[in-house]
Amino acid sequence: RLWMTYLHHRWAIESGQRFVGGMFHTYNLKGDTGAPTEIVPAATQREVLALLLAAIAPPALELPEALLVQLTPHPQSNLEDLSGDYAFDQLRAGRILAAMVLGDLLQPDRAARLVAFADRQAKALTLPEMIGEIVKVTWGPHPAEPLRQQSLRRVTERAALDALMMLGAHADATPEVRAVVLQEIRRLGQEIAKRRDPEPLPEAHLRQAEADITRYLQDPAANAPKFVAPGWGARPRSRYPLSPGPPLGGGGN
């Protein structure tokens, strides 16, 4: 049950995501003078966004070798939720966590609120700013990293690209959201096209991303990915509990 440790901050992530493009609600009674709604302060949204993106930095996703060698398979079948093979796949686990953060941040309703709130709140966190931060943290330049973290970096890059492409093609995405997302994907594709890596695997990763973006922009609805995270925790094989919901409490919606 490694997921309990690896995803120990799952509820904190889900709670924090509600602050980004979120709003506080108050149940007012007749005669109350306070406003029943309040957009989450822009400074708080930026702080929470930074924390969420820090949670998918390669050092935060990395599992030490001392732990990986201890993850032995079940005698009959593998029952580890984060990996479907008898050899634990640490990259798949990283992809699940990265998708948990990015997939929810890049949802149509949240994106639409960021666009609408920008007209209502001074110095608001805007949709282009949020997407820019996501792309910078994942695809942006970084200092030299150990090999394990380079692999996890590619995992987060791909998760960010897939989540962006899904948002840009989503039937519920507003015209404004779609325009911002497609512009960023177009810009990212141009940047990736200029990159080269002498190592075969990173180079293949870049060329595949370039090809996928080119094909996607021709017809986003037809060429968008179907999912960001691999399927995991499916019954009856899995021991991953399907809880009724998060703990009580939380912040904005």
Protein backbone atom coordinates (compact mmCIF):
# COMPACT_ATOMS: atom_id res chain seq x y z
CA ARG A 1 0.00 0.00 0.00
CA LEU A 2 2.70 2.42 -1.04
CA TRP A 3 0.09 4.85 -2.35
CA MET A 4 -0.80 5.78 1.25
CA THR A 5 2.69 7.21 1.70
CA TYR A 6 3.41 8.38 -1.84
CA LEU A 7 0.05 10.18 -2.00
CA HIS A 8 -0.05 11.15 1.68
CA HIS A 9 -0.78 14.74 0.63
CA ARG A 10 -3.64 13.77 -1.67
CA TRP A 11 -6.34 15.56 0.30
CA ALA A 12 -4.12 18.62 0.76
CA ILE A 13 -3.63 18.72 -3.01
CA GLU A 14 -7.35 18.48 -3.66
CA SER A 15 -8.07 21.16 -1.07
CA GLY A 16 -5.38 23.46 -2.43
CA GLN A 17 -6.63 23.13 -5.99
CA ARG A 18 -9.94 24.66 -4.95
CA PHE A 19 -8.17 27.90 -4.03
CA VAL A 20 -6.85 28.39 -7.58
CA GLY A 21 -9.61 30.16 -9.47
CA GLY A 22 -11.68 29.65 -6.34
CA MET A 23 -14.21 31.55 -4.30
CA PHE A 24 -15.22 31.59 -0.64
CA HIS A 25 -18.92 31.26 0.15
CA THR A 26 -20.71 32.45 3.28
CA TYR A 27 -24.23 31.51 4.29
CA ASN A 28 -25.69 34.92 5.02
CA LEU A 29 -28.88 35.54 6.97
CA LYS A 30 -31.34 38.36 6.40
CA GLY A 31 -29.77 41.57 7.63
CA ASP A 32 -26.17 40.43 7.28
CA THR A 33 -23.99 43.08 5.68
CA GLY A 34 -21.12 40.91 4.47
CA ALA A 35 -20.95 39.70 0.88
CA PRO A 36 -21.95 36.03 0.49
CA THR A 37 -19.07 35.38 -1.91
CA GLU A 38 -15.43 36.44 -2.10
CA ILE A 39 -12.85 35.55 -4.71
CA VAL A 40 -9.81 33.94 -3.10
CA PRO A 41 -7.12 36.64 -2.77
CA ALA A 42 -4.74 36.63 -5.70
CA ALA A 43 -1.69 36.34 -3.46
CA THR A 44 -3.15 33.22 -1.84
CA GLN A 45 -3.91 31.69 -5.22
CA ARG A 46 -0.33 32.24 -6.38
CA GLU A 47 1.08 30.82 -3.15
CA VAL A 48 -1.06 27.69 -3.40
CA LEU A 49 -0.25 27.25 -7.10
CA ALA A 50 3.47 27.34 -6.29
CA LEU A 51 2.99 24.69 -3.59
CA LEU A 52 1.02 22.45 -5.94
CA LEU A 53 3.69 22.67 -8.63
CA ALA A 54 6.42 22.01 -6.05
CA ALA A 55 4.64 18.73 -5.28
CA ILE A 56 5.43 17.46 -8.80
CA ALA A 57 9.05 18.59 -8.94
CA PRO A 58 11.29 15.57 -9.72
CA PRO A 59 12.86 15.48 -6.22
CA ALA A 60 9.35 15.30 -4.73
CA LEU A 61 8.34 12.47 -7.09
CA GLU A 62 11.51 10.42 -6.72
CA LEU A 63 11.48 7.15 -4.78
CA PRO A 64 14.83 6.00 -3.36
CA GLU A 65 16.40 2.78 -4.61
CA ALA A 66 16.48 1.47 -1.05
CA LEU A 67 12.68 1.46 -1.14
CA LEU A 68 12.26 0.25 -4.73
CA VAL A 69 14.20 -2.94 -4.08
CA GLN A 70 11.83 -3.75 -1.21
CA LEU A 71 8.72 -3.66 -3.39
CA THR A 72 8.32 -7.36 -4.09
CA PRO A 73 5.33 -8.75 -6.03
CA HIS A 74 2.45 -10.74 -4.64
CA PRO A 75 3.02 -14.52 -5.11
CA GLN A 76 0.03 -14.85 -7.47
CA SER A 77 -0.55 -11.33 -8.79
CA ASN A 78 0.65 -7.83 -8.23
CA LEU A 79 -1.62 -5.92 -5.86
CA GLU A 80 0.34 -2.68 -5.72
CA ASP A 81 -1.97 0.10 -6.85
CA LEU A 82 0.67 2.45 -8.26
CA SER A 83 2.26 -0.10 -10.58
CA GLY A 84 0.68 -2.75 -12.76
CA ASP A 85 3.78 -4.87 -13.37
CA TYR A 86 5.56 -7.31 -11.06
CA ALA A 87 8.52 -4.91 -11.15
CA PHE A 88 7.47 -1.61 -9.60
CA ASP A 89 7.44 1.22 -12.15
CA GLN A 90 8.44 4.43 -10.37
CA LEU A 91 7.75 6.48 -13.51
CA ARG A 92 4.15 5.31 -13.62
CA ALA A 93 3.75 6.29 -9.98
CA GLY A 94 5.16 9.74 -10.78
CA ARG A 95 2.77 10.06 -13.71
CA ILE A 96 -0.20 9.31 -11.46
CA LEU A 97 0.80 12.02 -9.00
CA ALA A 98 1.65 14.57 -11.69
CA ALA A 99 -1.72 13.97 -13.34
CA MET A 100 -3.47 14.33 -9.98
CA VAL A 101 -2.12 17.89 -9.74
CA LEU A 102 -2.14 19.03 -13.37
CA GLY A 103 -5.28 17.33 -14.58
CA ASP A 104 -7.44 19.08 -12.02
CA LEU A 105 -5.77 22.48 -12.36
CA LEU A 106 -6.45 22.42 -16.09
CA GLN A 107 -10.19 21.83 -15.95
CA PRO A 108 -12.63 23.87 -18.09
CA ASP A 109 -14.63 25.33 -15.20
CA ARG A 110 -11.53 26.46 -13.30
CA ALA A 111 -10.02 27.95 -16.45
CA ALA A 112 -13.24 29.83 -17.21
CA ARG A 113 -13.32 31.27 -13.68
CA LEU A 114 -9.75 32.50 -14.00
CA VAL A 115 -10.76 34.36 -17.16
CA ALA A 116 -13.89 35.83 -15.56
CA PHE A 117 -12.25 36.72 -12.24
CA ALA A 118 -9.49 38.66 -14.02
CA ASP A 119 -12.10 41.35 -14.76
CA ARG A 120 -13.26 41.48 -11.15
CA GLN A 121 -10.12 41.29 -9.04
CA ALA A 122 -7.12 43.63 -9.05
CA LYS A 123 -3.85 41.87 -9.95
CA ALA A 124 -5.73 38.59 -10.33
CA LEU A 125 -4.08 35.29 -11.12
CA THR A 126 -4.93 34.96 -14.81
CA LEU A 127 -5.30 31.88 -16.96
CA PRO A 128 -2.25 32.76 -19.11
CA GLU A 129 -0.22 33.25 -15.92
CA MET A 130 -1.27 29.90 -14.45
CA ILE A 131 -0.56 28.04 -17.68
CA GLY A 132 2.74 29.87 -18.01
CA GLU A 133 3.78 28.76 -14.53
CA ILE A 134 2.83 25.16 -15.27
CA VAL A 135 4.83 25.14 -18.51
CA LYS A 136 7.79 26.88 -16.87
CA VAL A 137 7.94 24.38 -14.00
CA THR A 138 7.62 21.37 -16.31
CA TRP A 139 9.05 22.26 -19.74
CA GLY A 140 11.16 25.25 -18.73
CA PRO A 141 14.98 25.21 -18.48
CA HIS A 142 16.41 23.64 -15.33
CA PRO A 143 19.83 23.02 -13.82
CA ALA A 144 21.45 19.66 -14.50
CA GLU A 145 19.59 16.86 -12.72
CA PRO A 146 20.46 13.24 -11.83
CA LEU A 147 19.34 10.64 -14.35
CA ARG A 148 16.39 9.50 -12.22
CA GLN A 149 15.09 13.03 -11.94
CA GLN A 150 15.54 13.65 -15.66
CA SER A 151 13.21 10.73 -16.32
CA LEU A 152 10.67 12.14 -13.89
CA ARG A 153 11.02 15.54 -15.53
CA ARG A 154 9.91 13.98 -18.82
CA VAL A 155 6.95 12.44 -17.00
CA THR A 156 5.79 15.85 -15.76
CA GLU A 157 6.41 17.43 -19.16
CA ARG A 158 4.21 14.88 -20.84
CA ALA A 159 1.52 15.15 -18.16
CA ALA A 160 1.42 18.93 -18.58
CA LEU A 161 1.21 18.70 -22.37
CA ASP A 162 -1.53 16.07 -22.28
CA ALA A 163 -3.57 18.06 -19.74
CA LEU A 164 -3.26 21.20 -21.85
CA MET A 165 -4.32 19.40 -25.01
CA MET A 166 -7.31 17.87 -23.25
CA LEU A 167 -8.38 21.29 -21.97
CA GLY A 168 -8.01 22.91 -25.38
CA ALA A 169 -10.21 20.26 -26.97
CA HIS A 170 -12.79 19.95 -24.18
CA ALA A 171 -16.36 20.54 -25.32
CA ASP A 172 -17.02 22.70 -22.23
CA ALA A 173 -13.99 24.98 -22.71
CA THR A 174 -15.07 28.54 -23.40
CA PRO A 175 -13.77 30.34 -26.52
CA GLU A 176 -11.48 32.45 -24.36
CA VAL A 177 -10.03 29.40 -22.61
CA ARG A 178 -9.56 27.55 -25.88
CA ALA A 179 -7.79 30.54 -27.44
CA VAL A 180 -5.33 30.87 -24.54
CA VAL A 181 -4.59 27.15 -24.39
CA LEU A 182 -4.09 26.71 -28.13
CA GLN A 183 -1.81 29.73 -28.24
CA GLU A 184 0.36 28.28 -25.47
CA ILE A 185 0.47 24.84 -27.09
CA ARG A 186 1.44 26.44 -30.39
CA ARG A 187 4.22 28.41 -28.68
CA LEU A 188 5.45 25.36 -26.80
CA GLY A 189 5.51 23.33 -30.01
CA GLN A 190 7.72 25.94 -31.67
CA GLU A 191 10.10 25.87 -28.72
CA ILE A 192 10.27 22.06 -28.60
CA ALA A 193 10.99 21.95 -32.32
CA LYS A 194 14.25 23.84 -31.67
CA ARG A 195 15.44 21.49 -28.93
CA ARG A 196 17.81 18.62 -29.50
CA ASP A 197 19.23 16.05 -27.11
CA PRO A 198 22.19 13.76 -27.85
CA GLU A 199 20.66 10.92 -25.82
CA PRO A 200 18.16 8.68 -27.66
CA LEU A 201 15.37 8.59 -25.05
CA PRO A 202 15.14 12.33 -24.34
CA GLU A 203 15.40 13.04 -28.07
CA ALA A 204 12.57 10.60 -28.81
CA HIS A 205 10.50 12.30 -26.10
CA LEU A 206 11.00 15.70 -27.75
CA ARG A 207 10.26 14.51 -31.26
CA GLN A 208 7.13 12.69 -30.14
CA ALA A 209 5.87 15.78 -28.34
CA GLU A 210 6.59 17.89 -31.43
CA ALA A 211 4.72 15.45 -33.68
CA ASP A 212 1.78 15.20 -31.29
CA ILE A 213 1.44 18.99 -31.09
CA THR A 214 1.54 19.34 -34.88
CA ARG A 215 -1.16 16.71 -35.32
CA TYR A 216 -3.23 18.10 -32.45
CA LEU A 217 -3.34 21.64 -33.82
CA GLN A 218 -4.79 20.35 -37.08
CA ASP A 219 -7.85 18.99 -35.24
CA PRO A 220 -7.78 19.32 -31.43
CA ALA A 221 -11.02 17.44 -30.80
CA ALA A 222 -9.91 14.44 -32.85
CA ASN A 223 -6.30 14.31 -31.64
CA ALA A 224 -6.50 15.20 -27.95
CA PRO A 225 -5.31 12.56 -25.46
CA LYS A 226 -8.04 10.53 -23.77
CA PHE A 227 -6.50 10.72 -20.30
CA VAL A 228 -3.52 12.16 -18.40
CA ALA A 229 -3.03 9.50 -15.74
CA PRO A 230 -2.93 5.75 -16.39
CA GLY A 231 -5.77 3.78 -14.90
CA TRP A 232 -5.07 2.68 -11.36
CA GLY A 233 -6.86 1.48 -8.27
CA ALA A 234 -9.49 -0.46 -10.23
CA ARG A 235 -11.43 -3.15 -8.39
CA PRO A 236 -11.50 -6.08 -7.76
CA ARG A 237 -7.72 -6.50 -8.08
CA SER A 238 -6.79 -3.33 -6.27
CA ARG A 239 -6.63 -2.65 -2.57
CA TYR A 240 -7.03 1.06 -3.21
CA PRO A 241 -10.12 2.12 -1.23
CA LEU A 242 -12.79 4.12 -2.99
CA SER A 243 -13.47 6.61 -0.21
CA PRO A 244 -16.75 8.56 -0.15
CA GLY A 245 -14.94 11.87 -0.32
CA PRO A 246 -12.31 14.10 1.27
CA PRO A 247 -12.16 14.94 4.98
CA LEU A 248 -14.42 17.71 6.24
CA GLY A 249 -13.17 21.22 5.81
CA GLY A 250 -11.27 22.89 2.99
CA GLY A 251 -11.14 26.25 1.36
CA GLY A 252 -12.60 27.81 -1.78
CA ASN A 253 -14.54 25.99 -4.46
